[in-house]
């Protein structure tokens, strides 16, 4: 861990509430506890189905985020998928409304999505390259709506994937929310640097993360964009519990997807994920996320992302039963020691 200095600032860490795991009221309670515990905000993903049948939940993210905003003071971040279940204009409207309710407290993350959620509307599920193209065109539609609506103007769009007739967002905050994109590779990260406000990347090997971070920065430089208007984020999963054995047991039981050896973006049913996850071993999990009862192990893990140069971390403790204890431990023994 870098030594504290006058130039050090607290690491910005947000608490991920997995709506697959918790009923809406429980999600709101956890967000309120994390807010009091020192987390910078709450992150929620818009899902239609859980990954596993045993998780048993998949509430509507925008409704839950509205309730979370009422019970917290930090950021309320939505990870949304534009272009399948929801047209980009609808995502823009939901995000603008949340920003109007909670000025300067909302951020929007855009994702290319997973078939398990998006195939339900019966559209053709495209290959990864086409999903990326759709993602950036959707971001363009949302950006147009934010920009024009903030000025009281209409806008329109006609592109390969989406059409938008002359329209505006009638409920619009004074300034649009920060808009980031999930980046799975250097091309996506670089393009995001040229056109969007930031990236979110899945935690992984340091070399891969450094490559994505540098690609984003290169894109930003190519477009002549200021670093002050962007944010880079790592989405990090871990398993903390009172004992190491419990930490491993909950990871295997509650979030075995972390140990899958292949992407799961094309899987369509929670029951299929459940079958595939039965092959996941403790070694698979241990190779991908930290499993420990020791807060110092997790502090070191989270600090490594700030040391690489990322601005923030979204952290998800994968256990269902240990969330309250984790929030308390993190607030007391981890968050105060993280610097960037």
C-alpha atoms as a PDB file:
ATOM      1  CA  UNK A   1       0.000   0.000   0.000  1.00  0.00           C
ATOM      2  CA  UNK A   2       1.386   3.432  -0.886  1.00  0.00           C
ATOM      3  CA  UNK A   3       2.326   5.565   2.088  1.00  0.00           C
ATOM      4  CA  UNK A   4      -0.110   8.287   3.066  1.00  0.00           C
ATOM      5  CA  UNK A   5       0.857  11.781   1.972  1.00  0.00           C
ATOM      6  CA  UNK A   6      -0.652  15.204   1.561  1.00  0.00           C
ATOM      7  CA  UNK A   7      -1.395  14.263  -2.058  1.00  0.00           C
ATOM      8  CA  UNK A   8      -3.232  11.030  -1.197  1.00  0.00           C
ATOM      9  CA  UNK A   9      -7.016  10.976  -1.399  1.00  0.00           C
ATOM     10  CA  UNK A  10      -9.417   8.300  -0.179  1.00  0.00           C
ATOM     11  CA  UNK A  11     -10.092   5.545  -2.688  1.00  0.00           C
ATOM     12  CA  UNK A  12     -13.604   5.798  -4.114  1.00  0.00           C
ATOM     13  CA  UNK A  13     -15.306   2.468  -3.416  1.00  0.00           C
ATOM     14  CA  UNK A  14     -18.936   1.738  -4.277  1.00  0.00           C
ATOM     15  CA  UNK A  15     -21.016  -1.128  -2.930  1.00  0.00           C
ATOM     16  CA  UNK A  16     -22.584  -3.470  -5.485  1.00  0.00           C
ATOM     17  CA  UNK A  17     -26.032  -4.752  -4.563  1.00  0.00           C
ATOM     18  CA  UNK A  18     -26.821  -7.791  -6.709  1.00  0.00           C
ATOM     19  CA  UNK A  19     -30.572  -7.701  -7.343  1.00  0.00           C
ATOM     20  CA  UNK A  20     -30.349 -11.373  -8.305  1.00  0.00           C
ATOM     21  CA  UNK A  21     -29.634 -12.159  -4.664  1.00  0.00           C
ATOM     22  CA  UNK A  22     -31.895  -9.783  -2.738  1.00  0.00           C
ATOM     23  CA  UNK A  23     -35.538  -8.765  -2.699  1.00  0.00           C
ATOM     24  CA  UNK A  24     -36.084  -5.027  -3.319  1.00  0.00           C
ATOM     25  CA  UNK A  25     -36.600  -4.063   0.318  1.00  0.00           C
ATOM     26  CA  UNK A  26     -33.469  -5.982   1.369  1.00  0.00           C
ATOM     27  CA  UNK A  27     -31.468  -4.291  -1.391  1.00  0.00           C
ATOM     28  CA  UNK A  28     -32.539  -0.868  -0.137  1.00  0.00           C
ATOM     29  CA  UNK A  29     -31.608  -1.790   3.443  1.00  0.00           C
ATOM     30  CA  UNK A  30     -28.164  -2.976   2.361  1.00  0.00           C
ATOM     31  CA  UNK A  31     -27.585   0.204   0.358  1.00  0.00           C
ATOM     32  CA  UNK A  32     -28.508   2.312   3.394  1.00  0.00           C
ATOM     33  CA  UNK A  33     -26.124   0.297   5.590  1.00  0.00           C
ATOM     34  CA  UNK A  34     -23.311   0.667   3.029  1.00  0.00           C
ATOM     35  CA  UNK A  35     -23.949   4.410   2.851  1.00  0.00           C
ATOM     36  CA  UNK A  36     -23.605   4.720   6.623  1.00  0.00           C
ATOM     37  CA  UNK A  37     -20.578   2.424   6.545  1.00  0.00           C
ATOM     38  CA  UNK A  38     -18.543   4.731   4.336  1.00  0.00           C
ATOM     39  CA  UNK A  39     -19.069   3.447   0.807  1.00  0.00           C
ATOM     40  CA  UNK A  40     -19.169   6.187  -1.834  1.00  0.00           C
ATOM     41  CA  UNK A  41     -22.379   4.894  -3.367  1.00  0.00           C
ATOM     42  CA  UNK A  42     -24.450   1.943  -4.550  1.00  0.00           C
ATOM     43  CA  UNK A  43     -24.262   0.140  -7.894  1.00  0.00           C
ATOM     44  CA  UNK A  44     -27.196  -1.821  -9.291  1.00  0.00           C
ATOM     45  CA  UNK A  45     -27.451  -3.705 -12.597  1.00  0.00           C
ATOM     46  CA  UNK A  46     -30.636  -3.884 -14.657  1.00  0.00           C
ATOM     47  CA  UNK A  47     -31.370  -7.607 -14.917  1.00  0.00           C
ATOM     48  CA  UNK A  48     -34.471  -9.510 -16.005  1.00  0.00           C
ATOM     49  CA  UNK A  49     -33.452 -12.923 -14.669  1.00  0.00           C
ATOM     50  CA  UNK A  50     -31.077 -14.168 -11.956  1.00  0.00           C
ATOM     51  CA  UNK A  51     -28.025 -16.181 -12.930  1.00  0.00           C
ATOM     52  CA  UNK A  52     -29.171 -19.092 -10.772  1.00  0.00           C
ATOM     53  CA  UNK A  53     -32.703 -20.232  -9.919  1.00  0.00           C
ATOM     54  CA  UNK A  54     -31.651 -20.410  -6.260  1.00  0.00           C
ATOM     55  CA  UNK A  55     -30.930 -16.672  -6.218  1.00  0.00           C
ATOM     56  CA  UNK A  56     -34.634 -16.125  -6.648  1.00  0.00           C
ATOM     57  CA  UNK A  57     -34.799 -12.412  -7.524  1.00  0.00           C
ATOM     58  CA  UNK A  58     -34.611  -9.986 -10.436  1.00  0.00           C
ATOM     59  CA  UNK A  59     -36.380  -6.756  -9.508  1.00  0.00           C
ATOM     60  CA  UNK A  60     -36.538  -3.690 -11.758  1.00  0.00           C
ATOM     61  CA  UNK A  61     -33.311  -1.775 -11.184  1.00  0.00           C
ATOM     62  CA  UNK A  62     -34.647   1.722 -11.832  1.00  0.00           C
ATOM     63  CA  UNK A  63     -37.411   1.369  -9.264  1.00  0.00           C
ATOM     64  CA  UNK A  64     -35.000   0.025  -6.663  1.00  0.00           C
ATOM     65  CA  UNK A  65     -32.480   2.795  -7.366  1.00  0.00           C
ATOM     66  CA  UNK A  66     -35.159   5.415  -6.830  1.00  0.00           C
ATOM     67  CA  UNK A  67     -35.851   3.945  -3.398  1.00  0.00           C
ATOM     68  CA  UNK A  68     -32.125   3.640  -2.626  1.00  0.00           C
ATOM     69  CA  UNK A  69     -31.644   7.316  -3.422  1.00  0.00           C
ATOM     70  CA  UNK A  70     -34.207   8.197  -0.758  1.00  0.00           C
ATOM     71  CA  UNK A  71     -32.322   6.247   1.914  1.00  0.00           C
ATOM     72  CA  UNK A  72     -28.729   7.229   1.060  1.00  0.00           C
ATOM     73  CA  UNK A  73     -26.544  10.259   0.437  1.00  0.00           C
ATOM     74  CA  UNK A  74     -23.946   8.794  -1.946  1.00  0.00           C
ATOM     75  CA  UNK A  75     -23.910   8.003  -5.652  1.00  0.00           C
ATOM     76  CA  UNK A  76     -26.640   5.849  -7.214  1.00  0.00           C
ATOM     77  CA  UNK A  77     -25.194   4.077 -10.247  1.00  0.00           C
ATOM     78  CA  UNK A  78     -27.184   2.085 -12.790  1.00  0.00           C
ATOM     79  CA  UNK A  79     -25.654  -0.474 -15.129  1.00  0.00           C
ATOM     80  CA  UNK A  80     -28.116  -0.682 -18.027  1.00  0.00           C
ATOM     81  CA  UNK A  81     -28.398  -2.423 -21.392  1.00  0.00           C
ATOM     82  CA  UNK A  82     -29.824  -0.167 -24.123  1.00  0.00           C
ATOM     83  CA  UNK A  83     -31.308  -1.522 -27.308  1.00  0.00           C
ATOM     84  CA  UNK A  84     -33.087  -4.794 -26.540  1.00  0.00           C
ATOM     85  CA  UNK A  85     -35.595  -4.787 -23.676  1.00  0.00           C
ATOM     86  CA  UNK A  86     -35.299  -1.004 -23.526  1.00  0.00           C
ATOM     87  CA  UNK A  87     -34.805   1.422 -26.411  1.00  0.00           C
ATOM     88  CA  UNK A  88     -31.899   3.840 -25.784  1.00  0.00           C
ATOM     89  CA  UNK A  89     -34.420   6.685 -25.453  1.00  0.00           C
ATOM     90  CA  UNK A  90     -36.111   4.860 -22.558  1.00  0.00           C
ATOM     91  CA  UNK A  91     -32.769   4.296 -20.819  1.00  0.00           C
ATOM     92  CA  UNK A  92     -32.022   8.002 -21.296  1.00  0.00           C
ATOM     93  CA  UNK A  93     -35.379   8.955 -19.787  1.00  0.00           C
ATOM     94  CA  UNK A  94     -34.866   6.669 -16.765  1.00  0.00           C
ATOM     95  CA  UNK A  95     -31.361   8.009 -16.176  1.00  0.00           C
ATOM     96  CA  UNK A  96     -32.380  11.659 -16.585  1.00  0.00           C
ATOM     97  CA  UNK A  97     -35.232  11.181 -14.112  1.00  0.00           C
ATOM     98  CA  UNK A  98     -32.907   9.639 -11.529  1.00  0.00           C
ATOM     99  CA  UNK A  99     -30.491  12.538 -12.057  1.00  0.00           C
ATOM    100  CA  UNK A 100     -33.293  15.040 -11.595  1.00  0.00           C
ATOM    101  CA  UNK A 101     -34.306  13.372  -8.332  1.00  0.00           C
ATOM    102  CA  UNK A 102     -30.726  13.176  -7.059  1.00  0.00           C
ATOM    103  CA  UNK A 103     -28.653  15.967  -8.658  1.00  0.00           C
ATOM    104  CA  UNK A 104     -24.955  15.115  -9.067  1.00  0.00           C
ATOM    105  CA  UNK A 105     -25.521  11.710  -7.444  1.00  0.00           C
ATOM    106  CA  UNK A 106     -26.278   9.511 -10.452  1.00  0.00           C
ATOM    107  CA  UNK A 107     -23.987   7.781 -12.943  1.00  0.00           C
ATOM    108  CA  UNK A 108     -25.016   5.669 -15.923  1.00  0.00           C
ATOM    109  CA  UNK A 109     -23.071   2.620 -17.096  1.00  0.00           C
ATOM    110  CA  UNK A 110     -23.964   1.102 -20.459  1.00  0.00           C
ATOM    111  CA  UNK A 111     -23.415  -2.577 -21.208  1.00  0.00           C
ATOM    112  CA  UNK A 112     -23.659  -4.708 -24.343  1.00  0.00           C
ATOM    113  CA  UNK A 113     -25.756  -7.111 -22.277  1.00  0.00           C
ATOM    114  CA  UNK A 114     -26.230 -10.834 -21.827  1.00  0.00           C
ATOM    115  CA  UNK A 115     -28.634 -13.121 -23.641  1.00  0.00           C
ATOM    116  CA  UNK A 116     -30.094 -14.378 -20.351  1.00  0.00           C
ATOM    117  CA  UNK A 117     -31.796 -10.990 -19.925  1.00  0.00           C
ATOM    118  CA  UNK A 118     -32.164  -9.585 -23.417  1.00  0.00           C
ATOM    119  CA  UNK A 119     -33.295 -12.590 -25.485  1.00  0.00           C
ATOM    120  CA  UNK A 120     -36.682 -12.527 -23.775  1.00  0.00           C
ATOM    121  CA  UNK A 121     -38.067  -9.941 -26.211  1.00  0.00           C
ATOM    122  CA  UNK A 122     -37.519 -12.364 -29.089  1.00  0.00           C
ATOM    123  CA  UNK A 123     -34.962 -10.412 -31.084  1.00  0.00           C
ATOM    124  CA  UNK A 124     -32.014 -12.018 -32.833  1.00  0.00           C
ATOM    125  CA  UNK A 125     -29.103 -12.187 -30.384  1.00  0.00           C
ATOM    126  CA  UNK A 126     -26.119 -10.827 -32.321  1.00  0.00           C
ATOM    127  CA  UNK A 127     -22.455 -11.745 -32.254  1.00  0.00           C
ATOM    128  CA  UNK A 128     -20.124  -9.862 -29.912  1.00  0.00           C
ATOM    129  CA  UNK A 129     -18.870  -7.425 -32.581  1.00  0.00           C
ATOM    130  CA  UNK A 130     -22.406  -6.394 -33.501  1.00  0.00           C
ATOM    131  CA  UNK A 131     -23.357  -6.051 -29.830  1.00  0.00           C
ATOM    132  CA  UNK A 132     -20.451  -3.631 -29.388  1.00  0.00           C
ATOM    133  CA  UNK A 133     -21.563  -1.612 -32.421  1.00  0.00           C
ATOM    134  CA  UNK A 134     -25.116  -1.468 -31.075  1.00  0.00           C
ATOM    135  CA  UNK A 135     -23.796  -0.380 -27.690  1.00  0.00           C
ATOM    136  CA  UNK A 136     -21.955   2.640 -29.066  1.00  0.00           C
ATOM    137  CA  UNK A 137     -24.801   3.659 -31.340  1.00  0.00           C
ATOM    138  CA  UNK A 138     -27.152   3.452 -28.364  1.00  0.00           C
ATOM    139  CA  UNK A 139     -24.730   5.615 -26.395  1.00  0.00           C
ATOM    140  CA  UNK A 140     -24.824   8.148 -29.227  1.00  0.00           C
ATOM    141  CA  UNK A 141     -28.629   8.271 -29.070  1.00  0.00           C
ATOM    142  CA  UNK A 142     -28.536   8.804 -25.299  1.00  0.00           C
ATOM    143  CA  UNK A 143     -25.827  11.451 -25.590  1.00  0.00           C
ATOM    144  CA  UNK A 144     -27.838  13.313 -28.239  1.00  0.00           C
ATOM    145  CA  UNK A 145     -30.910  13.283 -26.031  1.00  0.00           C
ATOM    146  CA  UNK A 146     -28.985  14.468 -22.977  1.00  0.00           C
ATOM    147  CA  UNK A 147     -27.262  17.261 -24.885  1.00  0.00           C
ATOM    148  CA  UNK A 148     -30.292  18.563 -26.772  1.00  0.00           C
ATOM    149  CA  UNK A 149     -32.688  18.229 -23.858  1.00  0.00           C
ATOM    150  CA  UNK A 150     -30.373  20.145 -21.519  1.00  0.00           C
ATOM    151  CA  UNK A 151     -30.654  23.043 -23.990  1.00  0.00           C
ATOM    152  CA  UNK A 152     -34.419  22.680 -24.383  1.00  0.00           C
ATOM    153  CA  UNK A 153     -34.123  21.351 -27.925  1.00  0.00           C
ATOM    154  CA  UNK A 154     -35.387  18.343 -29.848  1.00  0.00           C
ATOM    155  CA  UNK A 155     -33.055  15.859 -31.514  1.00  0.00           C
ATOM    156  CA  UNK A 156     -33.345  12.875 -33.841  1.00  0.00           C
ATOM    157  CA  UNK A 157     -31.303   9.879 -34.902  1.00  0.00           C
ATOM    158  CA  UNK A 158     -31.282   7.518 -37.859  1.00  0.00           C
ATOM    159  CA  UNK A 159     -28.609   4.831 -37.756  1.00  0.00           C
ATOM    160  CA  UNK A 160     -27.964   1.195 -38.662  1.00  0.00           C
ATOM    161  CA  UNK A 161     -29.592  -0.096 -35.455  1.00  0.00           C
ATOM    162  CA  UNK A 162     -31.785   2.636 -33.988  1.00  0.00           C
ATOM    163  CA  UNK A 163     -34.177   5.362 -34.993  1.00  0.00           C
ATOM    164  CA  UNK A 164     -35.303   8.297 -32.915  1.00  0.00           C
ATOM    165  CA  UNK A 165     -37.938  10.681 -34.200  1.00  0.00           C
ATOM    166  CA  UNK A 166     -37.740  14.346 -33.272  1.00  0.00           C
ATOM    167  CA  UNK A 167     -38.003  14.367 -29.478  1.00  0.00           C
ATOM    168  CA  UNK A 168     -36.494  15.521 -26.190  1.00  0.00           C
ATOM    169  CA  UNK A 169     -36.458  14.557 -22.514  1.00  0.00           C
ATOM    170  CA  UNK A 170     -38.900  16.843 -20.760  1.00  0.00           C
ATOM    171  CA  UNK A 171     -37.571  15.958 -17.305  1.00  0.00           C
ATOM    172  CA  UNK A 172     -33.890  16.798 -17.469  1.00  0.00           C
ATOM    173  CA  UNK A 173     -31.337  17.684 -14.762  1.00  0.00           C
ATOM    174  CA  UNK A 174     -29.200  20.802 -15.029  1.00  0.00           C
ATOM    175  CA  UNK A 175     -26.234  18.644 -16.066  1.00  0.00           C
ATOM    176  CA  UNK A 176     -26.379  15.148 -17.613  1.00  0.00           C
ATOM    177  CA  UNK A 177     -25.091  12.189 -15.613  1.00  0.00           C
ATOM    178  CA  UNK A 178     -21.640  10.785 -16.203  1.00  0.00           C
ATOM    179  CA  UNK A 179     -22.002   8.066 -18.873  1.00  0.00           C
ATOM    180  CA  UNK A 180     -19.582   5.130 -18.833  1.00  0.00           C
ATOM    181  CA  UNK A 181     -19.383   1.867 -20.759  1.00  0.00           C
ATOM    182  CA  UNK A 182     -18.362  -1.672 -19.885  1.00  0.00           C
ATOM    183  CA  UNK A 183     -15.115  -2.353 -21.756  1.00  0.00           C
ATOM    184  CA  UNK A 184     -14.100  -5.939 -22.388  1.00  0.00           C
ATOM    185  CA  UNK A 185     -11.249  -5.227 -24.786  1.00  0.00           C
ATOM    186  CA  UNK A 186      -8.835  -2.499 -25.925  1.00  0.00           C
ATOM    187  CA  UNK A 187     -10.910  -1.463 -28.953  1.00  0.00           C
ATOM    188  CA  UNK A 188     -13.979  -0.832 -26.804  1.00  0.00           C
ATOM    189  CA  UNK A 189     -11.895   0.990 -24.194  1.00  0.00           C
ATOM    190  CA  UNK A 190     -10.231   3.208 -26.797  1.00  0.00           C
ATOM    191  CA  UNK A 191     -13.525   4.059 -28.459  1.00  0.00           C
ATOM    192  CA  UNK A 192     -15.020   4.873 -25.068  1.00  0.00           C
ATOM    193  CA  UNK A 193     -12.121   7.219 -24.410  1.00  0.00           C
ATOM    194  CA  UNK A 194     -12.942   9.130 -27.579  1.00  0.00           C
ATOM    195  CA  UNK A 195     -16.662   9.477 -27.004  1.00  0.00           C
ATOM    196  CA  UNK A 196     -17.800   8.685 -23.461  1.00  0.00           C
ATOM    197  CA  UNK A 197     -17.119   9.689 -19.859  1.00  0.00           C
ATOM    198  CA  UNK A 198     -15.399   6.540 -18.642  1.00  0.00           C
ATOM    199  CA  UNK A 199     -15.042   2.777 -18.608  1.00  0.00           C
ATOM    200  CA  UNK A 200     -15.879  -0.044 -16.244  1.00  0.00           C
ATOM    201  CA  UNK A 201     -13.777  -3.193 -16.537  1.00  0.00           C
ATOM    202  CA  UNK A 202     -14.050  -6.570 -14.868  1.00  0.00           C
ATOM    203  CA  UNK A 203     -11.230  -7.280 -12.424  1.00  0.00           C
ATOM    204  CA  UNK A 204      -8.555  -9.554 -13.836  1.00  0.00           C
ATOM    205  CA  UNK A 205      -4.802  -9.836 -14.420  1.00  0.00           C
ATOM    206  CA  UNK A 206      -2.899  -6.594 -13.929  1.00  0.00           C
ATOM    207  CA  UNK A 207      -1.479  -6.699 -17.449  1.00  0.00           C
ATOM    208  CA  UNK A 208      -4.955  -6.855 -18.975  1.00  0.00           C
ATOM    209  CA  UNK A 209      -6.263  -4.059 -16.771  1.00  0.00           C
ATOM    210  CA  UNK A 210      -3.281  -1.838 -17.603  1.00  0.00           C
ATOM    211  CA  UNK A 211      -3.873  -2.454 -21.317  1.00  0.00           C
ATOM    212  CA  UNK A 212      -7.528  -1.427 -21.046  1.00  0.00           C
ATOM    213  CA  UNK A 213      -6.686   1.640 -18.977  1.00  0.00           C
ATOM    214  CA  UNK A 214      -4.019   2.752 -21.443  1.00  0.00           C
ATOM    215  CA  UNK A 215      -6.365   2.178 -24.400  1.00  0.00           C
ATOM    216  CA  UNK A 216      -8.985   4.391 -22.781  1.00  0.00           C
ATOM    217  CA  UNK A 217      -6.419   7.103 -22.127  1.00  0.00           C
ATOM    218  CA  UNK A 218      -5.177   6.905 -25.717  1.00  0.00           C
ATOM    219  CA  UNK A 219      -8.702   7.351 -27.009  1.00  0.00           C
ATOM    220  CA  UNK A 220      -9.188  10.295 -24.715  1.00  0.00           C
ATOM    221  CA  UNK A 221      -5.970  11.927 -25.928  1.00  0.00           C
ATOM    222  CA  UNK A 222      -6.895  11.326 -29.579  1.00  0.00           C
ATOM    223  CA  UNK A 223     -10.155  13.180 -29.018  1.00  0.00           C
ATOM    224  CA  UNK A 224      -8.480  15.971 -27.035  1.00  0.00           C
ATOM    225  CA  UNK A 225     -10.646  15.245 -24.009  1.00  0.00           C
ATOM    226  CA  UNK A 226      -9.784  16.327 -20.475  1.00  0.00           C
ATOM    227  CA  UNK A 227      -9.094  13.713 -17.820  1.00  0.00           C
ATOM    228  CA  UNK A 228     -11.187  15.698 -15.350  1.00  0.00           C
ATOM    229  CA  UNK A 229     -14.391  14.792 -17.193  1.00  0.00           C
ATOM    230  CA  UNK A 230     -13.810  11.019 -17.184  1.00  0.00           C
ATOM    231  CA  UNK A 231     -13.693   8.149 -14.696  1.00  0.00           C
ATOM    232  CA  UNK A 232     -12.154   4.679 -14.865  1.00  0.00           C
ATOM    233  CA  UNK A 233     -13.620   1.901 -12.716  1.00  0.00           C
ATOM    234  CA  UNK A 234     -12.865  -1.723 -11.826  1.00  0.00           C
ATOM    235  CA  UNK A 235     -15.751  -4.064 -10.982  1.00  0.00           C
ATOM    236  CA  UNK A 236     -14.255  -6.393  -8.369  1.00  0.00           C
ATOM    237  CA  UNK A 237     -15.782  -9.484  -6.812  1.00  0.00           C
ATOM    238  CA  UNK A 238     -14.540 -11.159  -3.645  1.00  0.00           C
ATOM    239  CA  UNK A 239     -15.737 -13.505  -0.959  1.00  0.00           C
ATOM    240  CA  UNK A 240     -15.399 -12.448   2.664  1.00  0.00           C
ATOM    241  CA  UNK A 241     -16.890 -14.429   5.561  1.00  0.00           C
ATOM    242  CA  UNK A 242     -15.978 -14.941   9.239  1.00  0.00           C
ATOM    243  CA  UNK A 243     -13.850 -17.990   8.328  1.00  0.00           C
ATOM    244  CA  UNK A 244     -11.964 -18.981   5.181  1.00  0.00           C
ATOM    245  CA  UNK A 245     -14.086 -22.117   4.901  1.00  0.00           C
ATOM    246  CA  UNK A 246     -17.308 -20.127   4.979  1.00  0.00           C
ATOM    247  CA  UNK A 247     -15.885 -17.706   2.414  1.00  0.00           C
ATOM    248  CA  UNK A 248     -15.229 -20.553  -0.010  1.00  0.00           C
ATOM    249  CA  UNK A 249     -18.528 -22.283   0.711  1.00  0.00           C
ATOM    250  CA  UNK A 250     -20.565 -19.143   0.016  1.00  0.00           C
ATOM    251  CA  UNK A 251     -18.686 -18.439  -3.214  1.00  0.00           C
ATOM    252  CA  UNK A 252     -19.416 -21.944  -4.499  1.00  0.00           C
ATOM    253  CA  UNK A 253     -23.015 -21.795  -3.340  1.00  0.00           C
ATOM    254  CA  UNK A 254     -24.017 -18.179  -4.061  1.00  0.00           C
ATOM    255  CA  UNK A 255     -21.834 -17.093  -6.993  1.00  0.00           C
ATOM    256  CA  UNK A 256     -20.177 -20.081  -8.720  1.00  0.00           C
ATOM    257  CA  UNK A 257     -20.347 -18.118 -12.003  1.00  0.00           C
ATOM    258  CA  UNK A 258     -17.136 -16.415 -10.902  1.00  0.00           C
ATOM    259  CA  UNK A 259     -15.355 -19.702 -11.535  1.00  0.00           C
ATOM    260  CA  UNK A 260     -16.715 -20.499 -14.979  1.00  0.00           C
ATOM    261  CA  UNK A 261     -13.902 -20.915 -17.485  1.00  0.00           C
ATOM    262  CA  UNK A 262     -15.783 -19.367 -20.413  1.00  0.00           C
ATOM    263  CA  UNK A 263     -17.966 -16.299 -21.074  1.00  0.00           C
ATOM    264  CA  UNK A 264     -21.606 -16.649 -20.119  1.00  0.00           C
ATOM    265  CA  UNK A 265     -23.032 -13.874 -22.307  1.00  0.00           C
ATOM    266  CA  UNK A 266     -24.802 -16.267 -24.697  1.00  0.00           C
ATOM    267  CA  UNK A 267     -26.476 -18.484 -22.086  1.00  0.00           C
ATOM    268  CA  UNK A 268     -30.242 -17.974 -22.003  1.00  0.00           C
ATOM    269  CA  UNK A 269     -31.596 -19.709 -18.915  1.00  0.00           C
ATOM    270  CA  UNK A 270     -30.752 -19.656 -15.196  1.00  0.00           C
ATOM    271  CA  UNK A 271     -31.302 -23.407 -15.225  1.00  0.00           C
ATOM    272  CA  UNK A 272     -28.566 -23.810 -17.864  1.00  0.00           C
ATOM    273  CA  UNK A 273     -26.196 -21.677 -15.802  1.00  0.00           C
ATOM    274  CA  UNK A 274     -27.008 -23.851 -12.791  1.00  0.00           C
ATOM    275  CA  UNK A 275     -26.035 -26.996 -14.689  1.00  0.00           C
ATOM    276  CA  UNK A 276     -22.782 -25.485 -15.955  1.00  0.00           C
ATOM    277  CA  UNK A 277     -21.881 -24.086 -12.545  1.00  0.00           C
ATOM    278  CA  UNK A 278     -21.954 -27.562 -10.990  1.00  0.00           C
ATOM    279  CA  UNK A 279     -18.593 -28.240 -12.630  1.00  0.00           C
ATOM    280  CA  UNK A 280     -16.958 -25.263 -10.876  1.00  0.00           C
ATOM    281  CA  UNK A 281     -14.411 -26.241  -8.234  1.00  0.00           C
ATOM    282  CA  UNK A 282     -12.850 -24.430  -5.310  1.00  0.00           C
ATOM    283  CA  UNK A 283      -9.659 -24.073  -7.358  1.00  0.00           C
ATOM    284  CA  UNK A 284     -11.617 -22.410 -10.171  1.00  0.00           C
ATOM    285  CA  UNK A 285     -13.037 -19.858  -7.744  1.00  0.00           C
ATOM    286  CA  UNK A 286      -9.743 -19.284  -5.956  1.00  0.00           C
ATOM    287  CA  UNK A 287      -7.996 -18.605  -9.266  1.00  0.00           C
ATOM    288  CA  UNK A 288     -10.347 -15.725 -10.065  1.00  0.00           C
ATOM    289  CA  UNK A 289     -11.389 -13.918  -6.889  1.00  0.00           C
ATOM    290  CA  UNK A 290      -9.910 -13.551  -3.376  1.00  0.00           C
ATOM    291  CA  UNK A 291     -11.426 -15.919  -0.821  1.00  0.00           C
ATOM    292  CA  UNK A 292     -10.582 -14.975   2.749  1.00  0.00           C
ATOM    293  CA  UNK A 293     -11.780 -14.026   6.212  1.00  0.00           C
ATOM    294  CA  UNK A 294      -8.823 -11.635   6.537  1.00  0.00           C
ATOM    295  CA  UNK A 295      -9.799  -8.009   5.762  1.00  0.00           C
ATOM    296  CA  UNK A 296      -6.175  -7.253   4.888  1.00  0.00           C
ATOM    297  CA  UNK A 297      -6.322  -9.696   1.959  1.00  0.00           C
ATOM    298  CA  UNK A 298      -9.261  -7.796   0.506  1.00  0.00           C
ATOM    299  CA  UNK A 299      -7.776  -4.394   1.280  1.00  0.00           C
ATOM    300  CA  UNK A 300      -4.622  -5.336  -0.620  1.00  0.00           C
ATOM    301  CA  UNK A 301      -6.726  -6.592  -3.529  1.00  0.00           C
ATOM    302  CA  UNK A 302      -8.784  -3.410  -3.769  1.00  0.00           C
ATOM    303  CA  UNK A 303      -5.755  -1.156  -3.293  1.00  0.00           C
ATOM    304  CA  UNK A 304      -4.059  -2.816  -6.277  1.00  0.00           C
ATOM    305  CA  UNK A 305      -6.605  -1.237  -8.629  1.00  0.00           C
ATOM    306  CA  UNK A 306      -5.923   2.258  -7.326  1.00  0.00           C
ATOM    307  CA  UNK A 307      -2.205   1.564  -7.618  1.00  0.00           C
ATOM    308  CA  UNK A 308      -2.739   0.766 -11.314  1.00  0.00           C
ATOM    309  CA  UNK A 309      -4.327   4.184 -11.796  1.00  0.00           C
ATOM    310  CA  UNK A 310      -8.068   3.501 -11.708  1.00  0.00           C
ATOM    311  CA  UNK A 311     -10.312   6.157 -10.188  1.00  0.00           C
ATOM    312  CA  UNK A 312     -12.871   3.953  -8.442  1.00  0.00           C
ATOM    313  CA  UNK A 313     -13.782   0.377  -7.543  1.00  0.00           C
ATOM    314  CA  UNK A 314     -17.221  -1.234  -7.512  1.00  0.00           C
ATOM    315  CA  UNK A 315     -16.973  -4.103  -5.055  1.00  0.00           C
ATOM    316  CA  UNK A 316     -19.313  -7.077  -4.767  1.00  0.00           C
ATOM    317  CA  UNK A 317     -18.974  -9.498  -1.872  1.00  0.00           C
ATOM    318  CA  UNK A 318     -20.613 -12.545  -3.437  1.00  0.00           C
ATOM    319  CA  UNK A 319     -22.035 -14.044  -0.240  1.00  0.00           C
ATOM    320  CA  UNK A 320     -25.764 -13.838   0.431  1.00  0.00           C
ATOM    321  CA  UNK A 321     -25.693 -14.232   4.215  1.00  0.00           C
ATOM    322  CA  UNK A 322     -22.641 -12.100   5.048  1.00  0.00           C
ATOM    323  CA  UNK A 323     -23.556  -8.733   3.526  1.00  0.00           C
ATOM    324  CA  UNK A 324     -24.248  -6.906   6.786  1.00  0.00           C
ATOM    325  CA  UNK A 325     -21.061  -8.153   8.439  1.00  0.00           C
ATOM    326  CA  UNK A 326     -19.056  -7.394   5.296  1.00  0.00           C
ATOM    327  CA  UNK A 327     -20.301  -3.802   5.176  1.00  0.00           C
ATOM    328  CA  UNK A 328     -19.319  -3.334   8.823  1.00  0.00           C
ATOM    329  CA  UNK A 329     -15.868  -4.914   8.369  1.00  0.00           C
ATOM    330  CA  UNK A 330     -15.191  -2.974   5.159  1.00  0.00           C
ATOM    331  CA  UNK A 331     -16.240   0.329   6.719  1.00  0.00           C
ATOM    332  CA  UNK A 332     -14.043  -0.190   9.758  1.00  0.00           C
ATOM    333  CA  UNK A 333     -10.965  -2.001   8.459  1.00  0.00           C
ATOM    334  CA  UNK A 334     -10.743  -1.576   4.656  1.00  0.00           C
ATOM    335  CA  UNK A 335     -12.253   1.628   3.271  1.00  0.00           C
ATOM    336  CA  UNK A 336     -10.354   4.059   5.554  1.00  0.00           C
ATOM    337  CA  UNK A 337      -7.033   2.536   4.455  1.00  0.00           C
ATOM    338  CA  UNK A 338      -7.564   2.762   0.683  1.00  0.00           C
ATOM    339  CA  UNK A 339      -5.881   5.643  -1.122  1.00  0.00           C
ATOM    340  CA  UNK A 340      -5.371   6.714  -4.705  1.00  0.00           C
END
